[in-house]
Amino acid sequence: MGLLELFIVAVGLAMDAFAVSICKGLSLGKIKMKHMAIAGLWFGGFQALMPAIGYFVGSLFADRIEAVDHWIAFVLLAIIGVSMIKEASQEEDEMDACMDPKCMFVLAVATSIDALAVGVSFAFLRVSIVWSVIFIGVITFMLSAIGVKIGSVFGAKYKSKAEIAGGIVLIIIGAKILLEHLEIIG
C-alpha cells in the first residue's frame, strides 16, 4: 500500500470522528483551542491504537489464510464502508457538549471500531504498521480538531456527507486491493 492509498484510508477512517467532532462543535457553541485538542487527541489516539491492535491480532493467523487474504481485506473494507453510508442516512442522535474523559472514551471507541478491522486487513496486506498508525492518528487528530471548529461555525450540515464520503472511499480502497491482487489493474 502506497502513501496515497494510506492517506485515502486514513481520511476514510477519520470521517466518523470528523462527523462526531462537527456535532461536538455544534453542541459546544463557542469553542476554545482546548476543545479542538481534546477531540483530536481522543479520536486520533484511538484511530491509531485500534488498527495496531487489529494488525497484531490479524498477524497471528495471516500466514494461514494468505490465499484468501485479499478477499478478506476487500470484504472487511466493504462492510465498514457500507456501514458508514448506512449510518449517514439514519436519524441523527443528539450530541451533548460533554468533553470529559468518560464521554470522550465512549465516542473514541465507537468511532474507531472500523479501524480495528482495517488493522486486521493491514496484517493480511503486510503493511508497515508503525508508520501507518502514526499517519492515521495524525490525520484523524487534524480532521477532528478541524471538525470541532467547523461544527461551531457551520453546524451539522456536513455530518452525513462526511460519513458517506468516508464509506465510499473505504469501499473503493477495498475494491482496488482486490483488483490488484487478481491482477486486473496494476
N, C-alpha and C. Protein backbone atom coordinates (compact mmCIF):
# COMPACT_ATOMS: atom_id res chain seq x y z
N MET A 1 0.85 -1.17 0.00
CA MET A 1 0.00 0.00 0.00
C MET A 1 0.90 1.23 0.00
N GLY A 2 0.68 2.10 -0.98
CA GLY A 2 1.48 3.31 -1.10
C GLY A 2 0.98 4.42 -0.19
N LEU A 3 1.71 5.51 -0.19
CA LEU A 3 1.38 6.65 0.66
C LEU A 3 0.02 7.25 0.29
N LEU A 4 -0.28 7.33 -1.00
CA LEU A 4 -1.57 7.89 -1.42
C LEU A 4 -2.72 7.02 -0.92
N GLU A 5 -2.59 5.70 -1.08
CA GLU A 5 -3.65 4.80 -0.60
C GLU A 5 -3.79 4.89 0.92
N LEU A 6 -2.66 4.97 1.62
CA LEU A 6 -2.72 5.09 3.08
C LEU A 6 -3.39 6.40 3.48
N PHE A 7 -3.08 7.48 2.77
CA PHE A 7 -3.72 8.76 3.05
C PHE A 7 -5.24 8.66 2.85
N ILE A 8 -5.63 8.03 1.78
CA ILE A 8 -7.07 7.88 1.48
C ILE A 8 -7.74 7.03 2.54
N VAL A 9 -7.11 5.94 2.95
CA VAL A 9 -7.67 5.10 4.03
C VAL A 9 -7.76 5.91 5.32
N ALA A 10 -6.71 6.67 5.64
CA ALA A 10 -6.70 7.47 6.87
C ALA A 10 -7.85 8.48 6.87
N VAL A 11 -8.04 9.15 5.75
CA VAL A 11 -9.14 10.11 5.65
C VAL A 11 -10.48 9.39 5.76
N GLY A 12 -10.61 8.26 5.09
CA GLY A 12 -11.86 7.49 5.17
C GLY A 12 -12.17 7.06 6.60
N LEU A 13 -11.15 6.57 7.31
CA LEU A 13 -11.35 6.16 8.70
C LEU A 13 -11.68 7.35 9.59
N ALA A 14 -11.10 8.49 9.30
CA ALA A 14 -11.30 9.68 10.14
C ALA A 14 -12.68 10.31 9.98
N MET A 15 -13.43 9.91 8.97
CA MET A 15 -14.70 10.57 8.69
C MET A 15 -15.72 10.42 9.84
N ASP A 16 -15.76 9.27 10.50
CA ASP A 16 -16.66 9.12 11.66
C ASP A 16 -16.27 10.11 12.75
N ALA A 17 -14.99 10.16 13.07
CA ALA A 17 -14.50 11.07 14.11
C ALA A 17 -14.73 12.52 13.68
N PHE A 18 -14.53 12.81 12.41
CA PHE A 18 -14.76 14.15 11.89
C PHE A 18 -16.23 14.54 12.06
N ALA A 19 -17.12 13.62 11.70
CA ALA A 19 -18.56 13.89 11.82
C ALA A 19 -18.96 14.11 13.28
N VAL A 20 -18.45 13.27 14.18
CA VAL A 20 -18.76 13.44 15.60
C VAL A 20 -18.18 14.75 16.12
N SER A 21 -16.99 15.10 15.64
CA SER A 21 -16.36 16.35 16.05
C SER A 21 -17.18 17.56 15.60
N ILE A 22 -17.74 17.47 14.41
CA ILE A 22 -18.62 18.55 13.94
C ILE A 22 -19.80 18.70 14.90
N CYS A 23 -20.39 17.59 15.29
CA CYS A 23 -21.52 17.63 16.22
C CYS A 23 -21.09 18.17 17.59
N LYS A 24 -19.90 17.79 18.02
CA LYS A 24 -19.38 18.33 19.28
C LYS A 24 -19.24 19.85 19.19
N GLY A 25 -18.68 20.32 18.10
CA GLY A 25 -18.53 21.76 17.90
C GLY A 25 -19.86 22.47 17.89
N LEU A 26 -20.85 21.83 17.28
CA LEU A 26 -22.21 22.39 17.24
C LEU A 26 -22.78 22.48 18.65
N SER A 27 -22.62 21.43 19.43
CA SER A 27 -23.20 21.39 20.78
C SER A 27 -22.46 22.32 21.74
N LEU A 28 -21.17 22.52 21.50
CA LEU A 28 -20.39 23.40 22.38
C LEU A 28 -20.67 24.87 22.12
N GLY A 29 -21.04 25.19 20.90
CA GLY A 29 -21.25 26.60 20.56
C GLY A 29 -19.92 27.30 20.45
N LYS A 30 -19.60 28.12 21.43
CA LYS A 30 -18.32 28.83 21.44
C LYS A 30 -17.24 27.86 21.91
N ILE A 31 -16.25 27.66 21.08
CA ILE A 31 -15.21 26.68 21.42
C ILE A 31 -13.89 27.39 21.74
N LYS A 32 -13.01 26.63 22.38
CA LYS A 32 -11.65 27.07 22.67
C LYS A 32 -10.71 26.07 22.01
N MET A 33 -9.45 26.44 21.92
CA MET A 33 -8.45 25.53 21.35
C MET A 33 -8.39 24.21 22.11
N LYS A 34 -8.64 24.25 23.41
CA LYS A 34 -8.58 23.02 24.20
C LYS A 34 -9.66 22.03 23.75
N HIS A 35 -10.83 22.51 23.30
CA HIS A 35 -11.87 21.61 22.80
C HIS A 35 -11.39 20.89 21.54
N MET A 36 -10.73 21.65 20.67
CA MET A 36 -10.19 21.06 19.44
C MET A 36 -9.10 20.03 19.77
N ALA A 37 -8.24 20.37 20.73
CA ALA A 37 -7.16 19.46 21.12
C ALA A 37 -7.69 18.20 21.78
N ILE A 38 -8.69 18.35 22.64
CA ILE A 38 -9.28 17.18 23.31
C ILE A 38 -9.87 16.22 22.29
N ALA A 39 -10.67 16.75 21.37
CA ALA A 39 -11.27 15.89 20.34
C ALA A 39 -10.18 15.24 19.49
N GLY A 40 -9.20 16.02 19.09
CA GLY A 40 -8.12 15.49 18.27
C GLY A 40 -7.33 14.39 18.95
N LEU A 41 -7.01 14.60 20.22
CA LEU A 41 -6.23 13.60 20.95
C LEU A 41 -7.03 12.31 21.17
N TRP A 42 -8.27 12.43 21.60
CA TRP A 42 -9.06 11.23 21.83
C TRP A 42 -9.29 10.45 20.54
N PHE A 43 -9.80 11.14 19.53
CA PHE A 43 -10.12 10.44 18.28
C PHE A 43 -8.86 9.99 17.54
N GLY A 44 -7.86 10.86 17.46
CA GLY A 44 -6.61 10.48 16.80
C GLY A 44 -5.91 9.35 17.51
N GLY A 45 -5.91 9.40 18.84
CA GLY A 45 -5.27 8.34 19.63
C GLY A 45 -5.92 6.98 19.41
N PHE A 46 -7.24 6.95 19.44
CA PHE A 46 -7.93 5.67 19.26
C PHE A 46 -7.90 5.21 17.81
N GLN A 47 -7.91 6.14 16.86
CA GLN A 47 -7.80 5.73 15.45
C GLN A 47 -6.40 5.17 15.16
N ALA A 48 -5.41 5.52 15.96
CA ALA A 48 -4.08 4.94 15.83
C ALA A 48 -3.98 3.61 16.59
N LEU A 49 -4.57 3.56 17.76
CA LEU A 49 -4.49 2.37 18.61
C LEU A 49 -5.23 1.17 18.00
N MET A 50 -6.42 1.38 17.51
CA MET A 50 -7.24 0.26 17.04
C MET A 50 -6.65 -0.49 15.85
N PRO A 51 -6.12 0.19 14.82
CA PRO A 51 -5.51 -0.60 13.74
C PRO A 51 -4.27 -1.37 14.22
N ALA A 52 -3.57 -0.81 15.20
CA ALA A 52 -2.40 -1.53 15.74
C ALA A 52 -2.86 -2.83 16.40
N ILE A 53 -3.93 -2.76 17.18
CA ILE A 53 -4.48 -3.96 17.82
C ILE A 53 -4.95 -4.94 16.75
N GLY A 54 -5.70 -4.44 15.77
CA GLY A 54 -6.19 -5.30 14.69
C GLY A 54 -5.06 -5.95 13.92
N TYR A 55 -4.00 -5.19 13.70
CA TYR A 55 -2.84 -5.71 12.97
C TYR A 55 -2.21 -6.88 13.72
N PHE A 56 -2.02 -6.71 15.01
CA PHE A 56 -1.37 -7.77 15.78
C PHE A 56 -2.26 -9.00 15.91
N VAL A 57 -3.55 -8.80 16.02
CA VAL A 57 -4.48 -9.94 16.04
C VAL A 57 -4.47 -10.62 14.67
N GLY A 58 -4.56 -9.84 13.61
CA GLY A 58 -4.55 -10.40 12.26
C GLY A 58 -3.25 -11.10 11.93
N SER A 59 -2.14 -10.60 12.46
CA SER A 59 -0.83 -11.21 12.19
C SER A 59 -0.73 -12.63 12.74
N LEU A 60 -1.53 -12.92 13.75
CA LEU A 60 -1.48 -14.26 14.35
C LEU A 60 -1.91 -15.35 13.38
N PHE A 61 -2.79 -14.98 12.42
CA PHE A 61 -3.27 -16.00 11.50
C PHE A 61 -3.16 -15.59 10.03
N ALA A 62 -2.44 -14.54 9.73
CA ALA A 62 -2.31 -14.06 8.34
C ALA A 62 -1.65 -15.10 7.44
N ASP A 63 -0.63 -15.80 7.94
CA ASP A 63 0.07 -16.79 7.12
C ASP A 63 -0.82 -17.96 6.74
N ARG A 64 -1.77 -18.28 7.60
CA ARG A 64 -2.63 -19.44 7.36
C ARG A 64 -3.71 -19.18 6.32
N ILE A 65 -3.99 -17.91 6.06
CA ILE A 65 -5.07 -17.61 5.11
C ILE A 65 -4.59 -16.73 3.96
N GLU A 66 -3.31 -16.84 3.64
CA GLU A 66 -2.70 -16.00 2.62
C GLU A 66 -3.41 -16.11 1.26
N ALA A 67 -3.94 -17.26 0.94
CA ALA A 67 -4.59 -17.46 -0.36
C ALA A 67 -5.86 -16.63 -0.52
N VAL A 68 -6.50 -16.26 0.58
CA VAL A 68 -7.75 -15.50 0.50
C VAL A 68 -7.68 -14.16 1.22
N ASP A 69 -6.47 -13.74 1.62
CA ASP A 69 -6.35 -12.51 2.40
C ASP A 69 -6.89 -11.28 1.68
N HIS A 70 -6.72 -11.21 0.36
CA HIS A 70 -7.22 -10.07 -0.40
C HIS A 70 -8.75 -10.01 -0.38
N TRP A 71 -9.38 -11.18 -0.38
CA TRP A 71 -10.85 -11.22 -0.29
C TRP A 71 -11.31 -10.75 1.10
N ILE A 72 -10.58 -11.17 2.13
CA ILE A 72 -10.94 -10.76 3.49
C ILE A 72 -10.78 -9.25 3.64
N ALA A 73 -9.67 -8.71 3.13
CA ALA A 73 -9.45 -7.26 3.19
C ALA A 73 -10.57 -6.53 2.46
N PHE A 74 -10.92 -7.02 1.27
CA PHE A 74 -11.99 -6.40 0.49
C PHE A 74 -13.32 -6.44 1.25
N VAL A 75 -13.67 -7.60 1.78
CA VAL A 75 -14.95 -7.75 2.48
C VAL A 75 -14.99 -6.86 3.73
N LEU A 76 -13.91 -6.85 4.52
CA LEU A 76 -13.88 -6.00 5.72
C LEU A 76 -14.06 -4.53 5.36
N LEU A 77 -13.30 -4.06 4.37
CA LEU A 77 -13.40 -2.65 3.98
C LEU A 77 -14.77 -2.32 3.39
N ALA A 78 -15.33 -3.25 2.61
CA ALA A 78 -16.66 -3.02 2.04
C ALA A 78 -17.73 -2.97 3.13
N ILE A 79 -17.66 -3.87 4.09
CA ILE A 79 -18.63 -3.87 5.19
C ILE A 79 -18.54 -2.58 5.99
N ILE A 80 -17.33 -2.15 6.29
CA ILE A 80 -17.14 -0.91 7.03
C ILE A 80 -17.69 0.27 6.22
N GLY A 81 -17.38 0.30 4.94
CA GLY A 81 -17.85 1.39 4.08
C GLY A 81 -19.36 1.44 3.98
N VAL A 82 -19.99 0.29 3.77
CA VAL A 82 -21.46 0.24 3.70
C VAL A 82 -22.07 0.65 5.04
N SER A 83 -21.46 0.22 6.12
CA SER A 83 -21.95 0.59 7.45
C SER A 83 -21.90 2.10 7.66
N MET A 84 -20.81 2.72 7.22
CA MET A 84 -20.70 4.17 7.36
C MET A 84 -21.76 4.89 6.53
N ILE A 85 -22.02 4.39 5.33
CA ILE A 85 -23.03 5.00 4.47
C ILE A 85 -24.41 4.85 5.08
N LYS A 86 -24.70 3.66 5.65
CA LYS A 86 -25.99 3.45 6.31
C LYS A 86 -26.17 4.36 7.52
N GLU A 87 -25.11 4.52 8.32
CA GLU A 87 -25.17 5.41 9.48
C GLU A 87 -25.49 6.84 9.07
N ALA A 88 -24.98 7.25 7.93
CA ALA A 88 -25.20 8.62 7.47
C ALA A 88 -26.67 8.88 7.16
N SER A 89 -27.39 7.84 6.77
CA SER A 89 -28.80 8.03 6.39
C SER A 89 -29.76 7.84 7.56
N GLN A 90 -29.25 7.42 8.71
CA GLN A 90 -30.11 7.23 9.87
C GLN A 90 -30.37 8.54 10.58
N GLU A 91 -31.42 8.55 11.37
CA GLU A 91 -31.76 9.75 12.12
C GLU A 91 -30.64 10.09 13.07
N GLU A 92 -30.35 11.37 13.15
CA GLU A 92 -29.23 11.85 13.95
C GLU A 92 -29.54 11.80 15.43
N ASP A 93 -28.55 11.31 16.20
CA ASP A 93 -28.66 11.36 17.65
C ASP A 93 -28.27 12.75 18.13
N GLU A 94 -28.83 13.14 19.23
CA GLU A 94 -28.49 14.43 19.82
C GLU A 94 -27.11 14.30 20.48
N MET A 95 -26.22 15.21 20.18
CA MET A 95 -24.88 15.21 20.74
C MET A 95 -24.83 16.23 21.87
N ASP A 96 -24.27 15.82 23.00
CA ASP A 96 -24.16 16.78 24.10
C ASP A 96 -22.77 17.41 24.10
N ALA A 97 -22.60 18.42 24.90
CA ALA A 97 -21.36 19.20 24.94
C ALA A 97 -20.31 18.59 25.87
N CYS A 98 -20.56 17.40 26.40
CA CYS A 98 -19.65 16.76 27.35
C CYS A 98 -18.30 16.46 26.69
N MET A 99 -17.23 16.91 27.32
CA MET A 99 -15.88 16.64 26.84
C MET A 99 -15.03 15.94 27.90
N ASP A 100 -15.69 15.40 28.94
CA ASP A 100 -14.92 14.74 29.99
C ASP A 100 -14.43 13.37 29.49
N PRO A 101 -13.44 12.78 30.17
CA PRO A 101 -12.84 11.53 29.70
C PRO A 101 -13.84 10.39 29.47
N LYS A 102 -14.84 10.25 30.32
CA LYS A 102 -15.80 9.16 30.15
C LYS A 102 -16.58 9.31 28.84
N CYS A 103 -17.07 10.50 28.57
CA CYS A 103 -17.81 10.75 27.33
C CYS A 103 -16.92 10.56 26.10
N MET A 104 -15.73 11.13 26.17
CA MET A 104 -14.83 11.07 25.02
C MET A 104 -14.32 9.65 24.77
N PHE A 105 -14.11 8.88 25.83
CA PHE A 105 -13.67 7.50 25.68
C PHE A 105 -14.71 6.70 24.88
N VAL A 106 -15.97 6.82 25.28
CA VAL A 106 -17.04 6.09 24.59
C VAL A 106 -17.10 6.49 23.12
N LEU A 107 -17.05 7.78 22.84
CA LEU A 107 -17.10 8.24 21.45
C LEU A 107 -15.86 7.80 20.67
N ALA A 108 -14.70 7.85 21.30
CA ALA A 108 -13.47 7.46 20.62
C ALA A 108 -13.48 5.97 20.26
N VAL A 109 -13.96 5.15 21.17
CA VAL A 109 -14.05 3.71 20.87
C VAL A 109 -15.08 3.47 19.77
N ALA A 110 -16.23 4.11 19.89
CA ALA A 110 -17.30 3.91 18.90
C ALA A 110 -16.88 4.33 17.50
N THR A 111 -16.12 5.41 17.39
CA THR A 111 -15.72 5.88 16.06
C THR A 111 -14.49 5.16 15.52
N SER A 112 -13.85 4.32 16.32
CA SER A 112 -12.63 3.66 15.85
C SER A 112 -12.75 2.15 15.71
N ILE A 113 -13.93 1.61 15.93
CA ILE A 113 -14.12 0.16 15.75
C ILE A 113 -13.77 -0.26 14.33
N ASP A 114 -14.16 0.55 13.35
CA ASP A 114 -13.85 0.22 11.97
C ASP A 114 -12.33 0.18 11.73
N ALA A 115 -11.58 0.99 12.46
CA ALA A 115 -10.13 0.99 12.32
C ALA A 115 -9.52 -0.33 12.81
N LEU A 116 -10.18 -0.99 13.75
CA LEU A 116 -9.72 -2.30 14.21
C LEU A 116 -9.75 -3.30 13.06
N ALA A 117 -10.84 -3.31 12.33
CA ALA A 117 -10.96 -4.22 11.19
C ALA A 117 -9.98 -3.85 10.08
N VAL A 118 -9.75 -2.58 9.88
CA VAL A 118 -8.76 -2.16 8.88
C VAL A 118 -7.38 -2.64 9.30
N GLY A 119 -7.08 -2.61 10.59
CA GLY A 119 -5.81 -3.13 11.08
C GLY A 119 -5.63 -4.60 10.77
N VAL A 120 -6.71 -5.37 10.89
CA VAL A 120 -6.66 -6.79 10.52
C VAL A 120 -6.31 -6.92 9.04
N SER A 121 -6.96 -6.11 8.20
CA SER A 121 -6.67 -6.19 6.77
C SER A 121 -5.23 -5.74 6.48
N PHE A 122 -4.69 -4.80 7.26
CA PHE A 122 -3.29 -4.39 7.11
C PHE A 122 -2.35 -5.58 7.36
N ALA A 123 -2.70 -6.42 8.33
CA ALA A 123 -1.87 -7.60 8.60
C ALA A 123 -1.85 -8.53 7.40
N PHE A 124 -2.99 -8.70 6.74
CA PHE A 124 -3.05 -9.56 5.57
C PHE A 124 -2.27 -8.97 4.40
N LEU A 125 -2.26 -7.65 4.33
CA LEU A 125 -1.58 -6.97 3.23
C LEU A 125 -0.10 -6.68 3.54
N ARG A 126 0.31 -7.02 4.76
CA ARG A 126 1.67 -6.81 5.22
C ARG A 126 2.12 -5.35 5.10
N VAL A 127 1.25 -4.47 5.58
CA VAL A 127 1.50 -3.03 5.58
C VAL A 127 2.42 -2.70 6.76
N SER A 128 3.29 -1.73 6.59
CA SER A 128 4.15 -1.27 7.69
C SER A 128 3.26 -0.59 8.73
N ILE A 129 3.04 -1.24 9.85
CA ILE A 129 2.03 -0.80 10.81
C ILE A 129 2.45 0.43 11.59
N VAL A 130 3.71 0.57 11.95
CA VAL A 130 4.13 1.70 12.78
C VAL A 130 3.83 3.02 12.08
N TRP A 131 4.32 3.17 10.86
CA TRP A 131 4.08 4.42 10.13
C TRP A 131 2.61 4.58 9.77
N SER A 132 1.93 3.49 9.51
CA SER A 132 0.51 3.56 9.17
C SER A 132 -0.31 4.11 10.32
N VAL A 133 -0.09 3.58 11.54
CA VAL A 133 -0.91 4.05 12.67
C VAL A 133 -0.55 5.49 13.06
N ILE A 134 0.71 5.85 12.91
CA ILE A 134 1.09 7.25 13.18
C ILE A 134 0.38 8.16 12.19
N PHE A 135 0.42 7.78 10.94
CA PHE A 135 -0.20 8.57 9.88
C PHE A 135 -1.71 8.69 10.10
N ILE A 136 -2.36 7.56 10.38
CA ILE A 136 -3.81 7.56 10.62
C ILE A 136 -4.14 8.42 11.84
N GLY A 137 -3.36 8.30 12.90
CA GLY A 137 -3.60 9.08 14.11
C GLY A 137 -3.46 10.58 13.86
N VAL A 138 -2.43 10.96 13.13
CA VAL A 138 -2.20 12.39 12.86
C VAL A 138 -3.31 12.95 11.97
N ILE A 139 -3.67 12.23 10.93
CA ILE A 139 -4.75 12.69 10.04
C ILE A 139 -6.05 12.83 10.82
N THR A 140 -6.36 11.84 11.66
CA THR A 140 -7.59 11.90 12.45
C THR A 140 -7.54 13.04 13.46
N PHE A 141 -6.39 13.24 14.09
CA PHE A 141 -6.24 14.37 15.02
C PHE A 141 -6.59 15.67 14.31
N MET A 142 -5.97 15.89 13.15
CA MET A 142 -6.19 17.15 12.44
C MET A 142 -7.65 17.32 12.01
N LEU A 143 -8.23 16.27 11.43
CA LEU A 143 -9.61 16.37 10.96
C LEU A 143 -10.59 16.53 12.12
N SER A 144 -10.32 15.89 13.24
CA SER A 144 -11.20 16.02 14.41
C SER A 144 -11.14 17.43 14.98
N ALA A 145 -9.93 17.96 15.09
CA ALA A 145 -9.79 19.33 15.59
C ALA A 145 -10.49 20.32 14.66
N ILE A 146 -10.28 20.14 13.37
CA ILE A 146 -10.95 21.00 12.38
C ILE A 146 -12.46 20.80 12.44
N GLY A 147 -12.90 19.55 12.65
CA GLY A 147 -14.34 19.26 12.74
C GLY A 147 -15.02 20.01 13.88
N VAL A 148 -14.36 20.11 15.02
CA VAL A 148 -14.92 20.86 16.14
C VAL A 148 -15.12 22.32 15.73
N LYS A 149 -14.13 22.88 15.07
CA LYS A 149 -14.22 24.27 14.62
C LYS A 149 -15.34 24.44 13.58
N ILE A 150 -15.39 23.54 12.62
CA ILE A 150 -16.44 23.60 11.59
C ILE A 150 -17.81 23.50 12.24
N GLY A 151 -17.95 22.58 13.19
CA GLY A 151 -19.24 22.41 13.87
C GLY A 151 -19.68 23.67 14.59
N SER A 152 -18.72 24.35 15.20
CA SER A 152 -19.08 25.56 15.93
C SER A 152 -19.46 26.69 14.97
N VAL A 153 -18.94 26.64 13.75
CA VAL A 153 -19.22 27.69 12.78
C VAL A 153 -20.41 27.34 11.89
N PHE A 154 -20.44 26.13 11.34
CA PHE A 154 -21.42 25.77 10.33
C PHE A 154 -22.53 24.84 10.79
N GLY A 155 -22.35 24.16 11.91
CA GLY A 155 -23.37 23.25 12.38
C GLY A 155 -23.25 21.86 11.78
N ALA A 156 -24.32 21.08 11.86
CA ALA A 156 -24.32 19.66 11.47
C ALA A 156 -24.59 19.44 9.99
N LYS A 157 -24.51 20.48 9.20
CA LYS A 157 -24.84 20.41 7.78
C LYS A 157 -24.04 19.34 7.02
N TYR A 158 -22.77 19.14 7.39
CA TYR A 158 -21.89 18.26 6.62
C TYR A 158 -21.66 16.89 7.24
N LYS A 159 -22.31 16.57 8.36
CA LYS A 159 -22.06 15.32 9.06
C LYS A 159 -22.34 14.11 8.17
N SER A 160 -23.53 14.01 7.60
CA SER A 160 -23.85 12.82 6.82
C SER A 160 -23.04 12.76 5.53
N LYS A 161 -22.73 13.90 4.94
CA LYS A 161 -21.90 13.90 3.73
C LYS A 161 -20.51 13.36 4.03
N ALA A 162 -19.96 13.71 5.18
CA ALA A 162 -18.64 13.22 5.56
C ALA A 162 -18.66 11.71 5.76
N GLU A 163 -19.69 11.18 6.40
CA GLU A 163 -19.78 9.74 6.62
C GLU A 163 -19.96 8.99 5.30
N ILE A 164 -20.78 9.52 4.40
CA ILE A 164 -20.98 8.89 3.09
C ILE A 164 -19.66 8.87 2.31
N ALA A 165 -18.97 9.99 2.30
CA ALA A 165 -17.68 10.07 1.59
C ALA A 165 -16.68 9.07 2.16
N GLY A 166 -16.60 8.99 3.48
CA GLY A 166 -15.68 8.04 4.11
C GLY A 166 -16.02 6.60 3.75
N GLY A 167 -17.30 6.26 3.75
CA GLY A 167 -17.73 4.91 3.39
C GLY A 167 -17.38 4.56 1.96
N ILE A 168 -17.64 5.49 1.04
CA ILE A 168 -17.33 5.25 -0.37
C ILE A 168 -15.84 5.06 -0.56
N VAL A 169 -15.04 5.87 0.10
CA VAL A 169 -13.58 5.76 -0.01
C VAL A 169 -13.10 4.38 0.44
N LEU A 170 -13.61 3.89 1.56
CA LEU A 170 -13.17 2.57 2.05
C LEU A 170 -13.59 1.45 1.09
N ILE A 171 -14.77 1.54 0.52
CA ILE A 171 -15.21 0.54 -0.46
C ILE A 171 -14.30 0.56 -1.69
N ILE A 172 -13.97 1.74 -2.16
CA ILE A 172 -13.09 1.86 -3.33
C ILE A 172 -11.70 1.29 -3.03
N ILE A 173 -11.15 1.58 -1.87
CA ILE A 173 -9.84 1.04 -1.50
C ILE A 173 -9.90 -0.48 -1.44
N GLY A 174 -10.97 -1.03 -0.84
CA GLY A 174 -11.13 -2.48 -0.79
C GLY A 174 -11.19 -3.10 -2.18
N ALA A 175 -11.94 -2.47 -3.07
CA ALA A 175 -12.04 -2.97 -4.44
C ALA A 175 -10.70 -2.89 -5.15
N LYS A 176 -9.96 -1.82 -4.92
CA LYS A 176 -8.64 -1.67 -5.54
C LYS A 176 -7.69 -2.78 -5.06
N ILE A 177 -7.70 -3.07 -3.78
CA ILE A 177 -6.86 -4.15 -3.24
C ILE A 177 -7.20 -5.47 -3.93
N LEU A 178 -8.48 -5.75 -4.03
CA LEU A 178 -8.92 -7.00 -4.65
C LEU A 178 -8.50 -7.05 -6.13
N LEU A 179 -8.76 -5.99 -6.87
CA LEU A 179 -8.43 -5.97 -8.29
C LEU A 179 -6.93 -6.06 -8.54
N GLU A 180 -6.13 -5.42 -7.68
CA GLU A 180 -4.67 -5.53 -7.82
C GLU A 180 -4.21 -6.95 -7.57
N HIS A 181 -4.78 -7.60 -6.55
CA HIS A 181 -4.37 -8.96 -6.24
C HIS A 181 -4.79 -9.94 -7.33
N LEU A 182 -5.91 -9.69 -7.93
CA LEU A 182 -6.39 -10.55 -9.04
C LEU A 182 -5.71 -10.16 -10.34
N GLU A 183 -4.82 -9.14 -10.28
CA GLU A 183 -4.05 -8.65 -11.41
C GLU A 183 -4.92 -8.13 -12.53
N ILE A 184 -6.06 -7.53 -12.15
CA ILE A 184 -6.93 -6.90 -13.14
C ILE A 184 -6.46 -5.47 -13.40
N ILE A 185 -5.94 -4.82 -12.33
CA ILE A 185 -5.33 -3.50 -12.50
C ILE A 185 -3.92 -3.56 -11.94
N GLY A 186 -3.06 -2.64 -12.37
CA GLY A 186 -1.65 -2.66 -11.98
C GLY A 186 -1.46 -2.06 -10.68
